[in-house]
């Protein structure tokens, strides 16, 4: 009697119907395929291949990404349906949220802005002349401060 030749690698993982149910729930919940593969102890490529073998014909897909996209869309629709159901059966917060998100309803916010009165004083000719004279004198004074004082030559530094 000959001994069976041992195949390299791990033994193939057989996924049960219960496993597939949970896998689809994870995909509905927007979980990543590589994370799901790790949960079932397999390499992502192996997992992707198993998904395509299982659902390829049924969903007319040839890649895991296509199947994942279908399941994510279904998950979003299930979530939307549950939100709607919750709102219809009396959750006022959900009714308000859905009204804003789906129906474009908004809270009406009133704002009143008060602007203080400002009085403008127009200068007459004599006031303008006084200000101009004062500015000229100030400029001359500042420019004289910039000129160093003459030294008498006896200072030692």
Foldseek 3Di string as FASTA:
>chain_A
DDDDDDDPDDDDDDADPVLVVVVLVCLLVVHDQQVSCVVSPHGSVSSFVVCCVVCCVVVVDNTSVVVSVVSPVVSVVVVVVVLVVVVVVDDVVSVVVCCCVPVVDDDDDDDDDDDDDDDDDDDDPVRVVVVVVVVVVVVVVVVVVVDDDDDPPPDDD
